[in-house]
Amino acid sequence: MSNIYTIHPRKSELILLYEVVDESGRAEWGGANAEQAMQWLTLAPDNARLLVSAWDSDEEDAHLVGQTIDITEIVQQARQVGR
């Protein structure tokens, strides 16, 4: 792994929105707090998913930047490694 090089940009000013959705895609919870999102995912039914989206905001409107990403598997794998 010593041959992997990355460039990390400065922290983005984008607003991250987390959503816990049920298997039909209906939002169970949404907010900007990652820790709360993890807690909600833990309490949600088995087929729930954790989505994250990035938003740019001016003084009047917010605009989605890119596509919403399903990070459920990443979170579950991180929990397994941490046990």
Protein backbone atom coordinates (compact mmCIF):
# COMPACT_ATOMS: atom_id res chain seq x y z
CA MET A 1 0.00 0.00 0.00
CA SER A 2 2.97 2.32 0.11
CA ASN A 3 2.53 3.05 -3.60
CA ILE A 4 -0.76 4.87 -3.10
CA TYR A 5 -0.57 8.64 -3.46
CA THR A 6 -3.45 10.97 -2.81
CA ILE A 7 -4.01 14.68 -2.83
CA HIS A 8 -6.50 15.85 -0.25
CA PRO A 9 -8.21 19.13 -1.07
CA ARG A 10 -9.02 21.57 1.70
CA LYS A 11 -12.26 20.91 3.51
CA SER A 12 -15.22 21.71 1.31
CA GLU A 13 -17.74 24.38 2.19
CA LEU A 14 -20.52 22.12 0.93
CA ILE A 15 -23.28 21.14 3.33
CA LEU A 16 -23.57 17.37 3.84
CA LEU A 17 -27.07 15.99 4.32
CA TYR A 18 -27.51 12.48 5.69
CA GLU A 19 -30.74 10.53 5.23
CA VAL A 20 -31.82 7.19 6.64
CA VAL A 21 -34.39 5.69 4.28
CA ASP A 22 -36.47 2.52 4.47
CA GLU A 23 -36.40 -0.17 1.79
CA SER A 24 -38.94 1.72 -0.32
CA GLY A 25 -36.85 4.92 -0.20
CA ARG A 26 -39.06 6.79 2.25
CA ALA A 27 -37.03 9.03 4.57
CA GLU A 28 -37.05 7.95 8.22
CA TRP A 29 -34.61 10.66 9.33
CA GLY A 30 -32.59 13.46 7.75
CA GLY A 31 -30.06 15.96 9.00
CA ALA A 32 -26.52 17.29 8.90
CA ASN A 33 -25.19 15.38 11.92
CA ALA A 34 -23.22 12.24 10.97
CA GLU A 35 -23.31 10.78 14.48
CA GLN A 36 -27.10 11.05 14.66
CA ALA A 37 -27.35 9.46 11.22
CA MET A 38 -25.35 6.45 12.48
CA GLN A 39 -27.60 6.16 15.53
CA TRP A 40 -30.73 6.27 13.38
CA LEU A 41 -29.30 3.64 11.03
CA THR A 42 -28.61 1.38 14.00
CA LEU A 43 -32.23 1.67 15.17
CA ALA A 44 -33.77 1.40 11.68
CA PRO A 45 -35.15 -1.81 10.12
CA ASP A 46 -32.63 -4.21 8.55
CA ASN A 47 -33.11 -3.01 4.96
CA ALA A 48 -32.67 0.68 5.79
CA ARG A 49 -29.98 2.62 3.94
CA LEU A 50 -27.84 5.63 4.81
CA LEU A 51 -27.53 8.18 2.02
CA VAL A 52 -25.33 11.27 1.89
CA SER A 53 -25.64 14.23 -0.44
CA ALA A 54 -23.66 17.44 -0.81
CA TRP A 55 -25.37 20.79 -1.13
CA ASP A 56 -24.11 24.22 -2.09
CA SER A 57 -26.01 27.10 -0.60
CA ASP A 58 -26.19 30.78 -1.34
CA GLU A 59 -28.20 33.24 0.69
CA GLU A 60 -31.52 32.13 -0.81
CA ASP A 61 -31.37 28.60 -2.20
CA ALA A 62 -29.59 25.28 -1.76
CA HIS A 63 -28.49 23.24 -4.77
CA LEU A 64 -27.61 19.54 -4.90
CA VAL A 65 -24.02 19.00 -6.06
CA GLY A 66 -23.55 15.67 -7.82
CA GLN A 67 -25.55 12.59 -6.92
CA THR A 68 -26.68 11.18 -3.60
CA ILE A 69 -24.42 8.34 -2.47
CA ASP A 70 -25.49 5.22 -0.56
CA ILE A 71 -22.86 4.75 2.18
CA THR A 72 -24.65 1.95 4.08
CA GLU A 73 -22.15 -0.77 3.18
CA ILE A 74 -19.15 1.41 4.07
CA VAL A 75 -20.64 2.14 7.49
CA GLN A 76 -21.46 -1.52 8.12
CA GLN A 77 -17.96 -2.65 7.11
CA ALA A 78 -16.38 -0.01 9.36
CA ARG A 79 -18.44 -1.30 12.27
CA GLN A 80 -17.29 -4.87 11.58
CA VAL A 81 -13.64 -3.82 11.50
CA GLY A 82 -14.07 -1.86 14.72
CA ARG A 83 -15.37 -4.86 16.69
